[in-house]
Amino acid sequence: MALPETVVADLKRLLGPENVLTAKEDLIPYSFDGTAALSQMPGAVVLPRNTEQVAAVLRIANAARVPVVTRGSGTGLSGGSLPVADGLVLCLVHLNRVLELDRANLTLRCEAGTLTQTIAEAAVQAGLFYPPDPGSMKISTIGGNVAENSGGLRGLKYGVTRNYVMGLEVVLPDGEVLWTGNQCVKDVAGYSLRDLFIGSEGTLGVITKVLLRLIPKPAAKRTLLATFARMDQAAQTVSDIIAAQIIPCTLEFLDRTTIACVDDYAQIGLPRDCEALLLMETDGHPAVVEEEAARMVELARRNGCPEVRVAQTEEEAVKLASARRTAFSALARVAPTTILEDITVPRSELARMVRFVEAVAAKYRLRVGTFGHMGDGNLHPTFLTDERNAEEMHRVEEAFKELFAEAIRLGGTITGEHGVGVAKKAFLPAFAGEASMRVMRELRRVLDPNGILNPGKMF
């Protein structure tokens, strides 16, 4: 059903015609997000400038039963911000101010459209640290990070976005504005509504402001790169590091295919005769950093690593870290369509899961590169394909069915950081179970009885 002209007229009166996009050429950039092979044209895109305008937009949409999909920079990888046909896209990129940085309480308050990189830089300028670092942090918005509970390379030591959210301003589907949380380190009064909205993927309310926890900036950091002839050796090194009570801030891996693609792309000089590469970073007090770095070198060599490259300067550290941070970009150059997936298994099962990915790719005659967060068991099998080839895309879909089923069988999950969205909603019941699915559906129905917020996502 086409978007009612009366709704468009009301939105233009509210926001001004320049902030309501309806021409096809203006809508195309909002018809997709970072998820491969998914697109859908919306009826209109609205660009509010403040919370009051967001609330008014939702009141108009709710009264007319018009579906609304909230969007930031559109970097999501599960189709979470994919528009509904002829619905509204509520784009929050103009809500992009850092409102307060409170050094006394180690907090930062900002609007939902603020770039993650902007927040990280504001923290550094104050001598503080905001740890979550999703791969898209230079362009992703904090509202999207909260809605998807984004992770990143530093997740092993510092956790994910949820661990740094102290408060949220949320606009409910009927336009009512809710604030949940505060600057208190301890608060157990009532239900934790804040945690309900974190990771809710825009299905329960629209996040407009975020209160974040900051921490002191680590005094030192050491970056190391180790290569292994076998993936099992890399996995055992990770297990040994954790068993030695060392929690690196970064513990990442690349497989053989990804190593070759990265070196072609970034010209780092990586060895190509290995099956696995580990990027290891430790941070904290300088003396502890040196001790942990030396111990990790020792453990890597004990597990068959012929040589560990240890960065001697900040510039060299950035270069070594780029081996992991450019993985997706490097793989994306190889084929017309790059499908980056996201599954997590217990650390003890990671090597087995990587082998399974390779076996499934061979079974379905597909090319895959796998990389990810070995320290927390989160891996990203990335299929290099062509969405114009329907038969090959069918084989990709069948491969993913097997990967998700195996992850669940091993005690893992269908998503560690990308969310459910459209791409994984068919697999959620097998993971969550009947009771959890019922509770989630009922919560959604209570908060959004007309079903206008991000319909068709998650369930």
Protein backbone atom coordinates (compact mmCIF):
# COMPACT_ATOMS: atom_id res chain seq x y z
CA MET A 1 0.00 0.00 0.00
CA ALA A 2 1.38 3.40 -1.00
CA LEU A 3 2.27 5.92 1.68
CA PRO A 4 -0.84 8.13 2.23
CA GLU A 5 -0.45 11.62 0.79
CA THR A 6 -1.94 13.07 3.98
CA VAL A 7 0.90 11.53 5.99
CA VAL A 8 3.51 13.00 3.63
CA ALA A 9 1.84 16.41 3.87
CA ASP A 10 1.81 16.24 7.70
CA LEU A 11 5.48 15.29 7.75
CA LYS A 12 6.45 18.15 5.45
CA ARG A 13 4.58 20.63 7.66
CA LEU A 14 6.36 19.23 10.70
CA LEU A 15 9.93 18.96 9.38
CA GLY A 16 9.97 21.19 6.30
CA PRO A 17 9.92 19.83 2.71
CA GLU A 18 13.71 19.64 2.59
CA ASN A 19 13.69 17.03 5.37
CA VAL A 20 11.10 14.74 3.75
CA LEU A 21 12.48 12.83 0.76
CA THR A 22 10.02 11.22 -1.67
CA ALA A 23 11.68 11.36 -5.12
CA LYS A 24 12.93 7.97 -6.30
CA GLU A 25 16.48 9.15 -6.90
CA ASP A 26 16.61 10.47 -3.32
CA LEU A 27 15.23 7.24 -1.85
CA ILE A 28 17.63 4.82 -3.55
CA PRO A 29 20.54 5.37 -1.08
CA TYR A 30 18.16 4.44 1.76
CA SER A 31 16.82 1.29 0.07
CA PHE A 32 19.62 -0.94 1.39
CA ASP A 33 22.11 -1.22 4.22
CA GLY A 34 25.45 -3.03 4.52
CA THR A 35 23.83 -6.45 4.05
CA ALA A 36 24.54 -8.04 0.68
CA ALA A 37 21.75 -8.88 -1.78
CA LEU A 38 18.94 -7.12 0.11
CA SER A 39 17.10 -3.95 -0.97
CA GLN A 40 13.62 -2.46 -0.72
CA MET A 41 12.34 0.99 -1.69
CA PRO A 42 10.71 3.02 1.10
CA GLY A 43 7.82 5.41 0.56
CA ALA A 44 9.66 8.35 2.14
CA VAL A 45 12.70 9.26 4.22
CA VAL A 46 12.39 11.76 7.06
CA LEU A 47 15.35 13.57 8.65
CA PRO A 48 14.39 14.98 12.07
CA ARG A 49 16.68 17.34 13.95
CA ASN A 50 15.74 16.64 17.59
CA THR A 51 13.86 14.31 19.93
CA GLU A 52 10.67 16.36 19.75
CA GLN A 53 10.52 15.94 15.98
CA VAL A 54 11.18 12.19 16.29
CA ALA A 55 8.27 11.93 18.74
CA ALA A 56 5.98 13.89 16.42
CA VAL A 57 6.92 11.70 13.44
CA LEU A 58 6.07 8.57 15.42
CA ARG A 59 2.71 10.03 16.51
CA ILE A 60 1.83 10.66 12.87
CA ALA A 61 2.99 7.21 11.76
CA ASN A 62 1.28 5.41 14.64
CA ALA A 63 -2.05 7.10 14.01
CA ALA A 64 -1.92 6.12 10.33
CA ARG A 65 -0.43 2.63 11.00
CA VAL A 66 2.56 3.45 8.77
CA PRO A 67 5.62 1.23 9.31
CA VAL A 68 8.78 3.02 10.48
CA VAL A 69 12.36 1.78 10.14
CA THR A 70 14.98 3.73 12.09
CA ARG A 71 18.33 4.22 10.39
CA GLY A 72 21.71 5.76 11.14
CA SER A 73 24.52 5.33 8.61
CA GLY A 74 23.14 2.06 7.23
CA THR A 75 26.21 -0.05 8.05
CA GLY A 76 24.28 -2.98 9.55
CA LEU A 77 25.01 -6.50 8.31
CA SER A 78 21.76 -8.33 9.07
CA GLY A 79 19.24 -6.22 7.17
CA GLY A 80 18.11 -4.50 10.35
CA SER A 81 17.63 -1.11 8.69
CA LEU A 82 16.21 -2.50 5.45
CA PRO A 83 13.11 -0.40 4.63
CA VAL A 84 9.57 -1.73 4.54
CA ALA A 85 7.95 -1.27 1.12
CA ASP A 86 6.24 2.15 0.99
CA GLY A 87 7.00 2.74 4.67
CA LEU A 88 8.97 5.49 6.39
CA VAL A 89 12.70 5.53 6.97
CA LEU A 90 13.45 7.59 10.09
CA CYS A 91 17.06 8.67 9.58
CA LEU A 92 18.76 10.14 12.66
CA VAL A 93 22.05 11.34 11.18
CA HIS A 94 21.27 14.97 12.08
CA LEU A 95 21.03 14.09 15.78
CA ASN A 96 24.82 14.07 15.93
CA ARG A 97 25.95 16.20 18.88
CA VAL A 98 28.15 15.25 21.81
CA LEU A 99 26.16 16.97 24.55
CA GLU A 100 28.37 16.50 27.60
CA LEU A 101 31.61 14.86 28.65
CA ASP A 102 31.69 14.57 32.45
CA ARG A 103 35.23 13.76 33.60
CA ALA A 104 34.16 13.68 37.25
CA ASN A 105 31.74 10.82 36.57
CA LEU A 106 33.57 9.35 33.55
CA THR A 107 30.52 9.63 31.30
CA LEU A 108 29.66 11.01 27.86
CA ARG A 109 26.15 11.99 26.78
CA CYS A 110 25.39 12.31 23.08
CA GLU A 111 22.67 12.08 20.45
CA ALA A 112 21.97 8.82 18.67
CA GLY A 113 23.34 9.95 15.29
CA THR A 114 26.81 10.69 16.67
CA LEU A 115 29.53 8.69 14.90
CA THR A 116 31.28 6.08 17.03
CA GLN A 117 34.65 7.48 15.93
CA THR A 118 33.61 10.94 17.13
CA ILE A 119 32.84 9.52 20.57
CA ALA A 120 36.16 7.68 20.71
CA GLU A 121 38.05 10.84 19.74
CA ALA A 122 36.18 12.98 22.28
CA ALA A 123 37.12 10.48 24.99
CA VAL A 124 40.80 10.52 23.95
CA GLN A 125 40.88 14.32 23.99
CA ALA A 126 39.75 14.16 27.63
CA GLY A 127 42.41 11.55 28.45
CA LEU A 128 39.77 8.81 28.61
CA PHE A 129 38.83 5.72 26.60
CA TYR A 130 35.67 4.38 24.94
CA PRO A 131 36.55 0.72 24.20
CA PRO A 132 33.86 -0.64 21.80
CA ASP A 133 35.31 -0.57 18.28
CA PRO A 134 33.04 -2.15 15.65
CA GLY A 135 34.70 -2.48 12.27
CA SER A 136 32.44 0.28 10.94
CA MET A 137 33.23 2.70 13.77
CA LYS A 138 34.41 5.47 11.43
CA ILE A 139 30.94 5.74 9.90
CA SER A 140 28.50 3.86 12.16
CA THR A 141 26.33 5.78 14.64
CA ILE A 142 26.08 5.13 18.35
CA GLY A 143 22.32 4.66 18.13
CA GLY A 144 22.83 1.81 15.69
CA ASN A 145 25.61 0.37 17.87
CA VAL A 146 23.23 0.32 20.85
CA ALA A 147 20.29 -1.05 18.84
CA GLU A 148 22.47 -3.92 17.58
CA ASN A 149 24.63 -4.23 20.73
CA SER A 150 27.71 -4.00 18.52
CA GLY A 151 31.00 -5.66 19.41
CA GLY A 152 34.44 -5.17 17.91
CA LEU A 153 38.07 -6.19 18.09
CA ARG A 154 38.46 -5.24 21.76
CA GLY A 155 35.47 -7.26 22.92
CA LEU A 156 37.48 -10.02 24.64
CA LYS A 157 38.88 -7.71 27.32
CA TYR A 158 36.46 -4.80 27.32
CA GLY A 159 33.11 -6.29 26.33
CA VAL A 160 30.51 -4.96 23.89
CA THR A 161 28.39 -1.83 23.62
CA ARG A 162 25.97 -2.98 26.37
CA ASN A 163 28.79 -2.82 28.92
CA TYR A 164 29.17 0.94 28.38
CA VAL A 165 25.56 2.14 28.18
CA MET A 166 24.42 3.79 31.41
CA GLY A 167 21.30 5.53 30.16
CA LEU A 168 19.04 5.95 27.15
CA GLU A 169 16.44 8.37 25.90
CA VAL A 170 13.92 6.34 23.89
CA VAL A 171 10.83 7.47 21.98
CA LEU A 172 8.08 4.86 22.16
CA PRO A 173 5.92 4.07 19.10
CA ASP A 174 3.11 6.37 20.28
CA GLY A 175 5.51 9.32 20.65
CA GLU A 176 5.98 9.17 24.42
CA VAL A 177 9.57 9.91 25.50
CA LEU A 178 11.16 7.58 28.05
CA TRP A 179 14.44 8.02 29.92
CA THR A 180 16.00 4.97 31.52
CA GLY A 181 19.26 4.79 33.49
CA ASN A 182 21.51 7.43 35.06
CA GLN A 183 25.12 8.26 36.00
CA CYS A 184 25.06 6.05 39.10
CA VAL A 185 27.49 3.15 39.04
CA LYS A 186 25.02 1.07 41.08
CA ASP A 187 21.26 1.16 40.45
CA VAL A 188 18.89 -1.79 40.97
CA ALA A 189 15.60 0.10 41.24
CA GLY A 190 12.99 -1.70 39.16
CA TYR A 191 13.39 -3.55 35.87
CA SER A 192 16.46 -2.69 33.79
CA LEU A 193 14.55 -1.13 30.90
CA ARG A 194 17.82 0.17 29.51
CA ASP A 195 18.94 -3.40 28.84
CA LEU A 196 15.63 -4.18 27.18
CA PHE A 197 16.25 -1.60 24.45
CA ILE A 198 19.94 -2.48 23.94
CA GLY A 199 20.06 -5.01 21.12
CA SER A 200 16.34 -4.61 20.35
CA GLU A 201 17.16 -3.70 16.71
CA GLY A 202 14.69 -0.81 16.53
CA THR A 203 11.66 -2.99 17.25
CA LEU A 204 10.67 -1.57 20.65
CA GLY A 205 11.47 2.15 20.48
CA VAL A 206 13.64 4.78 18.81
CA ILE A 207 16.85 5.61 20.70
CA THR A 208 17.55 9.36 20.53
CA LYS A 209 20.16 9.97 23.26
CA VAL A 210 22.78 7.76 24.90
CA LEU A 211 24.69 8.10 28.18
CA LEU A 212 27.98 6.19 27.94
CA ARG A 213 30.51 5.02 30.50
CA LEU A 214 34.15 5.90 29.80
CA ILE A 215 37.25 4.43 31.41
CA PRO A 216 40.83 5.66 31.95
CA LYS A 217 42.99 5.39 28.88
CA PRO A 218 45.52 2.51 29.07
CA ALA A 219 49.04 3.82 29.60
CA ALA A 220 50.71 1.42 27.15
CA LYS A 221 49.94 -1.07 24.38
CA ARG A 222 51.88 -3.73 22.54
CA THR A 223 50.89 -5.25 19.16
CA LEU A 224 52.07 -8.66 17.96
CA LEU A 225 51.48 -10.74 14.82
CA ALA A 226 51.97 -14.51 14.82
CA THR A 227 51.53 -17.04 12.01
CA PHE A 228 50.85 -20.78 12.22
CA ALA A 229 51.01 -23.70 9.80
CA ARG A 230 47.74 -25.06 11.21
CA MET A 231 44.58 -23.46 12.58
CA ASP A 232 44.69 -25.89 15.53
CA GLN A 233 48.00 -24.36 16.62
CA ALA A 234 46.52 -20.85 16.60
CA ALA A 235 43.48 -22.03 18.56
CA GLN A 236 45.67 -23.77 21.13
CA THR A 237 47.75 -20.62 21.51
CA VAL A 238 44.56 -18.70 22.31
CA SER A 239 43.55 -21.32 24.89
CA ASP A 240 47.03 -21.21 26.46
CA ILE A 241 46.97 -17.40 26.64
CA ILE A 242 43.64 -17.42 28.48
CA ALA A 243 44.78 -20.28 30.73
CA ALA A 244 47.83 -18.18 31.63
CA GLN A 245 45.36 -15.56 32.95
CA ILE A 246 46.24 -13.08 30.22
CA ILE A 247 43.27 -11.24 28.74
CA PRO A 248 44.53 -9.37 25.65
CA CYS A 249 42.56 -6.38 24.42
CA THR A 250 42.70 -7.93 20.93
CA LEU A 251 43.03 -11.57 19.94
CA GLU A 252 42.04 -11.92 16.27
CA PHE A 253 42.60 -14.47 13.52
CA LEU A 254 42.67 -14.70 9.72
CA ASP A 255 42.60 -17.88 7.66
CA ARG A 256 44.71 -18.64 4.57
CA THR A 257 42.29 -17.13 2.02
CA THR A 258 41.89 -13.94 4.03
CA ILE A 259 45.65 -13.59 4.57
CA ALA A 260 46.28 -13.69 0.81
CA CYS A 261 43.50 -11.18 0.08
CA VAL A 262 44.69 -8.81 2.81
CA ASP A 263 48.29 -8.88 1.63
CA ASP A 264 47.22 -8.25 -1.96
CA TYR A 265 45.18 -5.28 -0.72
CA ALA A 266 47.32 -3.75 2.04
CA GLN A 267 50.82 -4.89 1.00
CA ILE A 268 51.85 -5.66 4.58
CA GLY A 269 54.25 -8.45 3.68
CA LEU A 270 52.34 -11.29 5.34
CA PRO A 271 53.60 -14.86 4.93
CA ARG A 272 51.33 -16.81 2.57
CA ASP A 273 52.53 -20.30 3.44
CA CYS A 274 50.54 -20.43 6.69
CA GLU A 275 47.01 -21.49 7.56
CA ALA A 276 46.32 -19.00 10.34
CA LEU A 277 47.43 -15.60 11.54
CA LEU A 278 46.90 -14.21 15.05
CA LEU A 279 46.81 -10.49 15.84
CA MET A 280 47.47 -10.06 19.57
CA GLU A 281 47.39 -6.79 21.50
CA THR A 282 47.86 -6.21 25.20
CA ASP A 283 47.33 -2.89 26.99
CA GLY A 284 47.54 -1.47 30.51
CA HIS A 285 50.41 -0.58 32.84
CA PRO A 286 53.72 -0.54 30.88
CA ALA A 287 55.39 -3.19 33.04
CA VAL A 288 52.40 -5.53 32.78
CA VAL A 289 52.18 -4.96 29.02
CA GLU A 290 55.81 -5.95 28.50
CA GLU A 291 55.42 -9.03 30.68
CA GLU A 292 52.22 -10.15 28.92
CA ALA A 293 53.67 -9.53 25.46
CA ALA A 294 56.74 -11.63 26.26
CA ARG A 295 54.55 -14.42 27.63
CA MET A 296 52.33 -14.42 24.52
CA VAL A 297 55.40 -14.66 22.28
CA GLU A 298 56.57 -17.63 24.33
CA LEU A 299 53.18 -19.39 24.10
CA ALA A 300 52.91 -18.79 20.35
CA ARG A 301 56.37 -20.26 19.73
CA ARG A 302 55.57 -23.23 21.98
CA ASN A 303 52.63 -23.99 19.66
CA GLY A 304 54.69 -23.98 16.49
CA CYS A 305 54.81 -20.31 15.48
CA PRO A 306 58.16 -19.85 13.69
CA GLU A 307 58.31 -16.10 14.24
CA VAL A 308 56.31 -13.42 16.03
CA ARG A 309 56.45 -9.86 14.74
CA VAL A 310 56.36 -7.35 17.60
CA ALA A 311 55.64 -3.73 16.71
CA GLN A 312 58.37 -1.38 17.88
CA THR A 313 56.60 1.88 17.02
CA GLU A 314 53.03 3.18 16.90
CA GLU A 315 53.23 3.32 13.11
CA GLU A 316 54.28 -0.33 12.93
CA ALA A 317 51.51 -1.29 15.37
CA VAL A 318 48.92 0.37 13.12
CA LYS A 319 50.35 -1.46 10.12
CA LEU A 320 50.22 -4.84 11.83
CA ALA A 321 46.69 -4.21 13.13
CA SER A 322 45.60 -3.33 9.61
CA ALA A 323 46.08 -7.01 8.71
CA ARG A 324 42.85 -7.66 10.62
CA ARG A 325 41.06 -4.34 10.27
CA THR A 326 41.20 -4.46 6.46
CA ALA A 327 40.03 -8.08 6.19
CA PHE A 328 36.50 -7.33 5.01
CA SER A 329 37.63 -4.63 2.57
CA ALA A 330 40.25 -6.97 1.15
CA LEU A 331 37.82 -9.85 0.65
CA ALA A 332 35.23 -7.52 -0.89
CA ARG A 333 37.59 -6.83 -3.81
CA VAL A 334 37.62 -10.47 -4.91
CA ALA A 335 34.01 -11.05 -6.01
CA PRO A 336 30.98 -8.91 -6.93
CA THR A 337 29.08 -9.92 -3.78
CA THR A 338 30.64 -10.38 -0.35
CA ILE A 339 28.41 -11.98 2.29
CA LEU A 340 29.92 -11.47 5.74
CA GLU A 341 28.38 -13.71 8.39
CA ASP A 342 28.68 -13.81 12.14
CA ILE A 343 28.53 -16.88 14.36
CA THR A 344 29.97 -17.57 17.80
CA VAL A 345 30.95 -20.84 19.46
CA PRO A 346 32.70 -21.63 22.75
CA ARG A 347 36.42 -20.94 22.39
CA SER A 348 37.19 -24.63 22.75
CA GLU A 349 35.15 -25.33 19.58
CA LEU A 350 36.58 -22.59 17.38
CA ALA A 351 39.12 -24.66 15.44
CA ARG A 352 36.46 -27.34 14.87
CA MET A 353 34.03 -24.67 13.58
CA VAL A 354 36.61 -23.22 11.19
CA ARG A 355 37.20 -26.71 9.78
CA PHE A 356 33.44 -27.14 9.41
CA VAL A 357 33.19 -23.86 7.48
CA GLU A 358 35.88 -25.10 5.09
CA ALA A 359 34.11 -28.44 4.63
CA VAL A 360 30.74 -26.80 3.96
CA ALA A 361 32.30 -24.39 1.45
CA ALA A 362 33.86 -27.35 -0.39
CA LYS A 363 30.57 -29.28 -0.30
CA TYR A 364 28.69 -26.42 -1.96
CA ARG A 365 31.56 -25.40 -4.27
CA LEU A 366 31.93 -21.94 -2.74
CA ARG A 367 34.88 -19.70 -1.99
CA VAL A 368 35.10 -18.57 1.62
CA GLY A 369 37.49 -16.52 3.73
CA THR A 370 37.15 -16.74 7.51
CA PHE A 371 38.39 -14.26 10.08
CA GLY A 372 37.20 -12.97 13.41
CA HIS A 373 37.60 -12.69 17.14
CA MET A 374 39.34 -15.90 18.18
CA GLY A 375 39.60 -14.73 21.78
CA ASP A 376 35.84 -14.77 22.25
CA GLY A 377 34.90 -17.47 19.74
CA ASN A 378 33.24 -15.10 17.27
CA LEU A 379 34.07 -15.85 13.64
CA HIS A 380 33.06 -14.26 10.34
CA PRO A 381 32.85 -16.75 7.47
CA THR A 382 32.76 -14.54 4.39
CA PHE A 383 31.45 -16.03 1.15
CA LEU A 384 32.76 -14.53 -2.08
CA THR A 385 29.98 -14.86 -4.62
CA ASP A 386 27.78 -13.06 -7.17
CA GLU A 387 24.18 -12.25 -6.31
CA ARG A 388 23.34 -12.21 -10.05
CA ASN A 389 23.94 -15.97 -10.09
CA ALA A 390 20.71 -17.35 -8.59
CA GLU A 391 21.93 -20.95 -8.52
CA GLU A 392 25.11 -20.02 -6.66
CA MET A 393 23.17 -17.85 -4.19
CA HIS A 394 20.95 -20.85 -3.44
CA ARG A 395 24.08 -22.84 -2.60
CA VAL A 396 25.21 -19.99 -0.31
CA GLU A 397 21.86 -20.11 1.51
CA GLU A 398 22.12 -23.87 1.98
CA ALA A 399 25.67 -23.48 3.29
CA PHE A 400 24.57 -20.94 5.88
CA LYS A 401 21.79 -23.23 7.09
CA GLU A 402 24.40 -25.85 7.90
CA LEU A 403 26.73 -23.34 9.56
CA PHE A 404 24.03 -21.96 11.86
CA ALA A 405 22.83 -25.44 12.78
CA GLU A 406 26.37 -26.52 13.63
CA ALA A 407 27.03 -23.41 15.71
CA ILE A 408 23.91 -24.12 17.77
CA ARG A 409 24.88 -27.80 18.11
CA LEU A 410 28.29 -26.79 19.50
CA GLY A 411 26.67 -24.59 22.14
CA GLY A 412 27.11 -21.36 20.18
CA THR A 413 24.85 -18.68 18.77
CA ILE A 414 23.67 -17.53 15.35
CA THR A 415 25.00 -14.00 15.88
CA GLY A 416 27.68 -12.59 18.15
CA GLU A 417 27.47 -8.94 17.11
CA HIS A 418 25.61 -8.30 13.84
CA GLY A 419 22.07 -8.95 15.07
CA VAL A 420 19.14 -10.96 13.71
CA GLY A 421 17.34 -8.49 11.43
CA VAL A 422 16.00 -10.03 8.23
CA ALA A 423 18.97 -12.25 7.45
CA LYS A 424 18.71 -14.56 10.48
CA LYS A 425 15.13 -14.40 11.69
CA ALA A 426 14.38 -17.86 10.27
CA PHE A 427 17.10 -19.32 12.51
CA LEU A 428 16.17 -17.54 15.76
CA PRO A 429 13.53 -20.06 16.96
CA ALA A 430 15.99 -22.96 16.76
CA PHE A 431 18.44 -21.01 18.89
CA ALA A 432 16.12 -19.23 21.34
CA GLY A 433 13.48 -21.91 21.94
CA GLU A 434 9.70 -21.69 22.19
CA ALA A 435 9.42 -19.98 25.59
CA SER A 436 11.95 -17.25 24.77
CA MET A 437 10.30 -16.57 21.41
CA ARG A 438 6.91 -16.21 23.10
CA VAL A 439 8.24 -13.77 25.71
CA MET A 440 10.03 -11.66 23.09
CA ARG A 441 6.92 -11.48 20.90
CA GLU A 442 4.75 -10.49 23.87
CA LEU A 443 7.17 -7.76 24.92
CA ARG A 444 7.13 -6.38 21.40
CA ARG A 445 3.33 -6.49 21.28
CA VAL A 446 3.02 -4.60 24.59
CA LEU A 447 5.41 -1.80 23.60
CA ASP A 448 4.31 -1.56 19.96
CA PRO A 449 0.69 -2.79 19.78
CA ASN A 450 0.19 -1.47 16.25
CA GLY A 451 3.39 -3.11 15.01
CA ILE A 452 4.80 -0.04 13.28
CA LEU A 453 8.44 -0.30 14.38
CA ASN A 454 10.72 -2.28 12.10
CA PRO A 455 8.09 -4.88 11.16
CA GLY A 456 9.39 -8.11 9.66
CA LYS A 457 12.65 -7.97 11.60
CA MET A 458 13.78 -10.58 14.15
CA PHE A 459 10.48 -12.53 13.99
